[in-house]
Amino acid sequence: SCAASGIIFSPYVMGWYRQAPGKQRE
C-alpha cells in the first residue's frame, strides 16, 4: 500500500518501481 498526503492536484499518476541489489530501478 502507498498513501499520499499533502496538496495533490488531479489528475495524477501513481505507481511502483523496484530496485534489486546491483540492478537499475525498473
PDB file of all heavy atoms in Angstrom:
ATOM      1  N   SER A   1       0.846  -1.189   0.000  1.00  0.00           N
ATOM      2  CA  SER A   1       0.000   0.000   0.000  1.00  0.00           C
ATOM      3  C   SER A   1       0.881   1.237   0.000  1.00  0.00           C
ATOM      4  O   SER A   1       1.987   1.222   0.553  1.00  0.00           O
ATOM      5  CB  SER A   1      -0.914   0.033   1.226  1.00  0.00           C
ATOM      6  OG  SER A   1      -1.762  -1.079   1.268  1.00  0.00           O
ATOM      7  N   CYS A   2       0.384   2.297  -0.581  1.00  0.00           N
ATOM      8  CA  CYS A   2       1.106   3.569  -0.593  1.00  0.00           C
ATOM      9  C   CYS A   2       0.083   4.686  -0.484  1.00  0.00           C
ATOM     10  O   CYS A   2      -0.737   4.883  -1.386  1.00  0.00           O
ATOM     11  CB  CYS A   2       1.917   3.711  -1.869  1.00  0.00           C
ATOM     12  SG  CYS A   2       2.738   5.302  -2.041  1.00  0.00           S
ATOM     13  N   ALA A   3       0.140   5.418   0.621  1.00  0.00           N
ATOM     14  CA  ALA A   3      -0.800   6.505   0.869  1.00  0.00           C
ATOM     15  C   ALA A   3      -0.112   7.847   0.666  1.00  0.00           C
ATOM     16  O   ALA A   3       0.978   8.080   1.207  1.00  0.00           O
ATOM     17  CB  ALA A   3      -1.350   6.411   2.284  1.00  0.00           C
ATOM     18  N   ALA A   4      -0.741   8.707  -0.103  1.00  0.00           N
ATOM     19  CA  ALA A   4      -0.211  10.035  -0.378  1.00  0.00           C
ATOM     20  C   ALA A   4      -0.930  11.069   0.467  1.00  0.00           C
ATOM     21  O   ALA A   4      -2.145  10.995   0.666  1.00  0.00           O
ATOM     22  CB  ALA A   4      -0.358  10.372  -1.862  1.00  0.00           C
ATOM     23  N   SER A   5      -0.184  12.041   0.957  1.00  0.00           N
ATOM     24  CA  SER A   5      -0.773  13.134   1.715  1.00  0.00           C
ATOM     25  C   SER A   5      -0.149  14.446   1.254  1.00  0.00           C
ATOM     26  O   SER A   5       0.921  14.467   0.668  1.00  0.00           O
ATOM     27  CB  SER A   5      -0.557  12.939   3.215  1.00  0.00           C
ATOM     28  OG  SER A   5       0.826  12.916   3.521  1.00  0.00           O
ATOM     29  N   GLY A   6      -0.821  15.538   1.560  1.00  0.00           N
ATOM     30  CA  GLY A   6      -0.372  16.836   1.103  1.00  0.00           C
ATOM     31  C   GLY A   6      -1.332  17.373   0.066  1.00  0.00           C
ATOM     32  O   GLY A   6      -2.442  16.861  -0.111  1.00  0.00           O
ATOM     33  N   ILE A   7      -0.911  18.399  -0.625  1.00  0.00           N
ATOM     34  CA  ILE A   7      -1.757  19.017  -1.647  1.00  0.00           C
ATOM     35  C   ILE A   7      -1.527  18.277  -2.964  1.00  0.00           C
ATOM     36  O   ILE A   7      -0.422  18.294  -3.497  1.00  0.00           O
ATOM     37  CB  ILE A   7      -1.441  20.511  -1.799  1.00  0.00           C
ATOM     38  CG1 ILE A   7      -1.694  21.228  -0.466  1.00  0.00           C
ATOM     39  CG2 ILE A   7      -2.274  21.119  -2.909  1.00  0.00           C
ATOM     40  CD1 ILE A   7      -1.278  22.676  -0.475  1.00  0.00           C
ATOM     41  N   ILE A   8      -2.574  17.629  -3.437  1.00  0.00           N
ATOM     42  CA  ILE A   8      -2.466  16.817  -4.640  1.00  0.00           C
ATOM     43  C   ILE A   8      -3.513  17.279  -5.633  1.00  0.00           C
ATOM     44  O   ILE A   8      -4.700  17.260  -5.338  1.00  0.00           O
ATOM     45  CB  ILE A   8      -2.677  15.324  -4.322  1.00  0.00           C
ATOM     46  CG1 ILE A   8      -1.680  14.864  -3.256  1.00  0.00           C
ATOM     47  CG2 ILE A   8      -2.523  14.482  -5.585  1.00  0.00           C
ATOM     48  CD1 ILE A   8      -1.964  13.484  -2.713  1.00  0.00           C
ATOM     49  N   PHE A   9      -3.067  17.681  -6.792  1.00  0.00           N
ATOM     50  CA  PHE A   9      -3.983  18.117  -7.832  1.00  0.00           C
ATOM     51  C   PHE A   9      -4.188  16.995  -8.833  1.00  0.00           C
ATOM     52  O   PHE A   9      -3.247  16.349  -9.281  1.00  0.00           O
ATOM     53  CB  PHE A   9      -3.451  19.366  -8.533  1.00  0.00           C
ATOM     54  CG  PHE A   9      -3.398  20.575  -7.645  1.00  0.00           C
ATOM     55  CD1 PHE A   9      -2.216  20.971  -7.056  1.00  0.00           C
ATOM     56  CD2 PHE A   9      -4.549  21.307  -7.392  1.00  0.00           C
ATOM     57  CE1 PHE A   9      -2.161  22.082  -6.229  1.00  0.00           C
ATOM     58  CE2 PHE A   9      -4.508  22.418  -6.564  1.00  0.00           C
ATOM     59  CZ  PHE A   9      -3.317  22.806  -5.982  1.00  0.00           C
ATOM     60  N   SER A  10      -5.429  16.772  -9.170  1.00  0.00           N
ATOM     61  CA  SER A  10      -5.768  15.767 -10.159  1.00  0.00           C
ATOM     62  C   SER A  10      -5.706  16.380 -11.548  1.00  0.00           C
ATOM     63  O   SER A  10      -5.842  17.601 -11.698  1.00  0.00           O
ATOM     64  CB  SER A  10      -7.178  15.244  -9.886  1.00  0.00           C
ATOM     65  OG  SER A  10      -7.233  14.616  -8.638  1.00  0.00           O
ATOM     66  N   PRO A  11      -5.543  15.548 -12.583  1.00  0.00           N
ATOM     67  CA  PRO A  11      -5.341  14.108 -12.457  1.00  0.00           C
ATOM     68  C   PRO A  11      -3.909  13.785 -12.060  1.00  0.00           C
ATOM     69  O   PRO A  11      -3.007  14.596 -12.239  1.00  0.00           O
ATOM     70  CB  PRO A  11      -5.634  13.615 -13.873  1.00  0.00           C
ATOM     71  CG  PRO A  11      -5.220  14.759 -14.744  1.00  0.00           C
ATOM     72  CD  PRO A  11      -5.550  16.003 -13.966  1.00  0.00           C
ATOM     73  N   TYR A  12      -3.703  12.654 -11.477  1.00  0.00           N
ATOM     74  CA  TYR A  12      -2.350  12.276 -11.136  1.00  0.00           C
ATOM     75  C   TYR A  12      -2.131  10.797 -11.407  1.00  0.00           C
ATOM     76  O   TYR A  12      -3.049   9.999 -11.404  1.00  0.00           O
ATOM     77  CB  TYR A  12      -2.043  12.584  -9.666  1.00  0.00           C
ATOM     78  CG  TYR A  12      -2.984  11.966  -8.662  1.00  0.00           C
ATOM     79  CD1 TYR A  12      -2.748  10.689  -8.160  1.00  0.00           C
ATOM     80  CD2 TYR A  12      -4.090  12.665  -8.188  1.00  0.00           C
ATOM     81  CE1 TYR A  12      -3.602  10.121  -7.223  1.00  0.00           C
ATOM     82  CE2 TYR A  12      -4.946  12.104  -7.261  1.00  0.00           C
ATOM     83  CZ  TYR A  12      -4.688  10.838  -6.776  1.00  0.00           C
ATOM     84  OH  TYR A  12      -5.536  10.285  -5.853  1.00  0.00           O
ATOM     85  N   VAL A  13      -0.905  10.482 -11.632  1.00  0.00           N
ATOM     86  CA  VAL A  13      -0.481   9.107 -11.869  1.00  0.00           C
ATOM     87  C   VAL A  13       0.227   8.615 -10.614  1.00  0.00           C
ATOM     88  O   VAL A  13       1.024   9.336 -10.010  1.00  0.00           O
ATOM     89  CB  VAL A  13       0.467   9.008 -13.080  1.00  0.00           C
ATOM     90  CG1 VAL A  13       0.991   7.588 -13.245  1.00  0.00           C
ATOM     91  CG2 VAL A  13      -0.246   9.479 -14.347  1.00  0.00           C
ATOM     92  N   MET A  14      -0.082   7.405 -10.209  1.00  0.00           N
ATOM     93  CA  MET A  14       0.642   6.748  -9.124  1.00  0.00           C
ATOM     94  C   MET A  14       1.127   5.410  -9.625  1.00  0.00           C
ATOM     95  O   MET A  14       0.522   4.808 -10.525  1.00  0.00           O
ATOM     96  CB  MET A  14      -0.235   6.556  -7.885  1.00  0.00           C
ATOM     97  CG  MET A  14      -0.637   7.862  -7.221  1.00  0.00           C
ATOM     98  SD  MET A  14      -1.514   7.608  -5.656  1.00  0.00           S
ATOM     99  CE  MET A  14      -0.141   7.188  -4.556  1.00  0.00           C
ATOM    100  N   GLY A  15       2.194   4.950  -9.050  1.00  0.00           N
ATOM    101  CA  GLY A  15       2.704   3.656  -9.496  1.00  0.00           C
ATOM    102  C   GLY A  15       3.828   3.157  -8.624  1.00  0.00           C
ATOM    103  O   GLY A  15       4.114   3.710  -7.555  1.00  0.00           O
ATOM    104  N   TRP A  16       4.456   2.110  -9.117  1.00  0.00           N
ATOM    105  CA  TRP A  16       5.514   1.423  -8.378  1.00  0.00           C
ATOM    106  C   TRP A  16       6.704   1.127  -9.277  1.00  0.00           C
ATOM    107  O   TRP A  16       6.545   0.725 -10.435  1.00  0.00           O
ATOM    108  CB  TRP A  16       4.984   0.092  -7.821  1.00  0.00           C
ATOM    109  CG  TRP A  16       3.873   0.222  -6.854  1.00  0.00           C
ATOM    110  CD1 TRP A  16       2.538   0.280  -7.127  1.00  0.00           C
ATOM    111  CD2 TRP A  16       3.987   0.305  -5.430  1.00  0.00           C
ATOM    112  NE1 TRP A  16       1.816   0.398  -5.971  1.00  0.00           N
ATOM    113  CE2 TRP A  16       2.679   0.410  -4.912  1.00  0.00           C
ATOM    114  CE3 TRP A  16       5.058   0.290  -4.539  1.00  0.00           C
ATOM    115  CZ2 TRP A  16       2.422   0.502  -3.541  1.00  0.00           C
ATOM    116  CZ3 TRP A  16       4.807   0.383  -3.185  1.00  0.00           C
ATOM    117  CH2 TRP A  16       3.512   0.491  -2.692  1.00  0.00           C
ATOM    118  N   TYR A  17       7.882   1.304  -8.731  1.00  0.00           N
ATOM    119  CA  TYR A  17       9.119   0.829  -9.304  1.00  0.00           C
ATOM    120  C   TYR A  17       9.745  -0.108  -8.269  1.00  0.00           C
ATOM    121  O   TYR A  17       9.345  -0.135  -7.107  1.00  0.00           O
ATOM    122  CB  TYR A  17      10.087   1.983  -9.581  1.00  0.00           C
ATOM    123  CG  TYR A  17       9.867   2.685 -10.898  1.00  0.00           C
ATOM    124  CD1 TYR A  17       8.785   3.553 -11.067  1.00  0.00           C
ATOM    125  CD2 TYR A  17      10.740   2.503 -11.968  1.00  0.00           C
ATOM    126  CE1 TYR A  17       8.585   4.207 -12.274  1.00  0.00           C
ATOM    127  CE2 TYR A  17      10.543   3.161 -13.181  1.00  0.00           C
ATOM    128  CZ  TYR A  17       9.468   4.014 -13.316  1.00  0.00           C
ATOM    129  OH  TYR A  17       9.273   4.666 -14.507  1.00  0.00           O
ATOM    130  N   ARG A  18      10.744  -0.832  -8.687  1.00  0.00           N
ATOM    131  CA  ARG A  18      11.510  -1.643  -7.755  1.00  0.00           C
ATOM    132  C   ARG A  18      12.981  -1.614  -8.136  1.00  0.00           C
ATOM    133  O   ARG A  18      13.334  -1.363  -9.284  1.00  0.00           O
ATOM    134  CB  ARG A  18      10.988  -3.086  -7.716  1.00  0.00           C
ATOM    135  CG  ARG A  18      11.235  -3.875  -8.986  1.00  0.00           C
ATOM    136  CD  ARG A  18      10.567  -5.238  -8.892  1.00  0.00           C
ATOM    137  NE  ARG A  18      10.816  -6.060 -10.080  1.00  0.00           N
ATOM    138  CZ  ARG A  18      10.266  -7.245 -10.304  1.00  0.00           C
ATOM    139  NH1 ARG A  18       9.415  -7.761  -9.423  1.00  0.00           N
ATOM    140  NH2 ARG A  18      10.557  -7.908 -11.400  1.00  0.00           N
ATOM    141  N   GLN A  19      13.815  -1.887  -7.144  1.00  0.00           N
ATOM    142  CA  GLN A  19      15.253  -1.926  -7.379  1.00  0.00           C
ATOM    143  C   GLN A  19      15.860  -3.055  -6.573  1.00  0.00           C
ATOM    144  O   GLN A  19      15.765  -3.073  -5.339  1.00  0.00           O
ATOM    145  CB  GLN A  19      15.912  -0.593  -7.019  1.00  0.00           C
ATOM    146  CG  GLN A  19      17.363  -0.521  -7.440  1.00  0.00           C
ATOM    147  CD  GLN A  19      17.909   0.891  -7.410  1.00  0.00           C
ATOM    148  OE1 GLN A  19      17.362   1.780  -6.761  1.00  0.00           O
ATOM    149  NE2 GLN A  19      18.984   1.118  -8.150  1.00  0.00           N
ATOM    150  N   ALA A  20      16.474  -3.990  -7.290  1.00  0.00           N
ATOM    151  CA  ALA A  20      17.170  -5.105  -6.660  1.00  0.00           C
ATOM    152  C   ALA A  20      18.636  -4.727  -6.515  1.00  0.00           C
ATOM    153  O   ALA A  20      19.147  -3.877  -7.252  1.00  0.00           O
ATOM    154  CB  ALA A  20      17.011  -6.364  -7.498  1.00  0.00           C
ATOM    155  N   PRO A  21      19.338  -5.368  -5.584  1.00  0.00           N
ATOM    156  CA  PRO A  21      20.761  -5.050  -5.384  1.00  0.00           C
ATOM    157  C   PRO A  21      21.560  -5.203  -6.669  1.00  0.00           C
ATOM    158  O   PRO A  21      21.455  -6.221  -7.361  1.00  0.00           O
ATOM    159  CB  PRO A  21      21.194  -6.074  -4.338  1.00  0.00           C
ATOM    160  CG  PRO A  21      19.955  -6.398  -3.601  1.00  0.00           C
ATOM    161  CD  PRO A  21      18.855  -6.350  -4.623  1.00  0.00           C
ATOM    162  N   GLY A  22      22.332  -4.178  -7.010  1.00  0.00           N
ATOM    163  CA  GLY A  22      23.169  -4.231  -8.189  1.00  0.00           C
ATOM    164  C   GLY A  22      22.453  -4.031  -9.496  1.00  0.00           C
ATOM    165  O   GLY A  22      23.067  -4.164 -10.565  1.00  0.00           O
ATOM    166  N   LYS A  23      21.165  -3.733  -9.450  1.00  0.00           N
ATOM    167  CA  LYS A  23      20.386  -3.549 -10.673  1.00  0.00           C
ATOM    168  C   LYS A  23      19.774  -2.159 -10.723  1.00  0.00           C
ATOM    169  O   LYS A  23      19.642  -1.480  -9.702  1.00  0.00           O
ATOM    170  CB  LYS A  23      19.287  -4.602 -10.774  1.00  0.00           C
ATOM    171  CG  LYS A  23      19.803  -6.022 -10.911  1.00  0.00           C
ATOM    172  CD  LYS A  23      18.673  -6.999 -11.169  1.00  0.00           C
ATOM    173  CE  LYS A  23      19.195  -8.406 -11.388  1.00  0.00           C
ATOM    174  NZ  LYS A  23      18.080  -9.357 -11.667  1.00  0.00           N
ATOM    175  N   GLN A  24      19.389  -1.764 -11.935  1.00  0.00           N
ATOM    176  CA  GLN A  24      18.732  -0.476 -12.094  1.00  0.00           C
ATOM    177  C   GLN A  24      17.285  -0.551 -11.618  1.00  0.00           C
ATOM    178  O   GLN A  24      16.670  -1.620 -11.593  1.00  0.00           O
ATOM    179  CB  GLN A  24      18.765  -0.055 -13.569  1.00  0.00           C
ATOM    180  CG  GLN A  24      20.146   0.327 -14.076  1.00  0.00           C
ATOM    181  CD  GLN A  24      20.105   0.893 -15.486  1.00  0.00           C
ATOM    182  OE1 GLN A  24      19.251   0.525 -16.280  1.00  0.00           O
ATOM    183  NE2 GLN A  24      21.013   1.802 -15.780  1.00  0.00           N
ATOM    184  N   ARG A  25      16.761   0.605 -11.256  1.00  0.00           N
ATOM    185  CA  ARG A  25      15.357   0.666 -10.873  1.00  0.00           C
ATOM    186  C   ARG A  25      14.504   0.359 -12.105  1.00  0.00           C
ATOM    187  O   ARG A  25      14.760   0.873 -13.186  1.00  0.00           O
ATOM    188  CB  ARG A  25      15.028   2.060 -10.332  1.00  0.00           C
ATOM    189  CG  ARG A  25      13.670   2.175  -9.678  1.00  0.00           C
ATOM    190  CD  ARG A  25      13.503   3.517  -8.981  1.00  0.00           C
ATOM    191  NE  ARG A  25      14.374   3.631  -7.817  1.00  0.00           N
ATOM    192  CZ  ARG A  25      14.242   4.592  -6.893  1.00  0.00           C
ATOM    193  NH1 ARG A  25      13.294   5.503  -7.029  1.00  0.00           N
ATOM    194  NH2 ARG A  25      15.067   4.649  -5.869  1.00  0.00           N
ATOM    195  N   GLU A  26      13.499  -0.484 -11.936  1.00  0.00           N
ATOM    196  CA  GLU A  26      12.656  -0.867 -13.060  1.00  0.00           C
ATOM    197  C   GLU A  26      11.188  -0.631 -12.748  1.00  0.00           C
ATOM    198  O   GLU A  26      10.744  -0.720 -11.590  1.00  0.00           O
ATOM    199  CB  GLU A  26      12.866  -2.337 -13.446  1.00  0.00           C
ATOM    200  CG  GLU A  26      12.415  -3.344 -12.413  1.00  0.00           C
ATOM    201  CD  GLU A  26      12.374  -4.776 -12.950  1.00  0.00           C
ATOM    202  OE1 GLU A  26      12.205  -4.967 -14.177  1.00  0.00           O
ATOM    203  OE2 GLU A  26      12.476  -5.698 -12.123  1.00  0.00           O
TER     204      GLU A  26
END
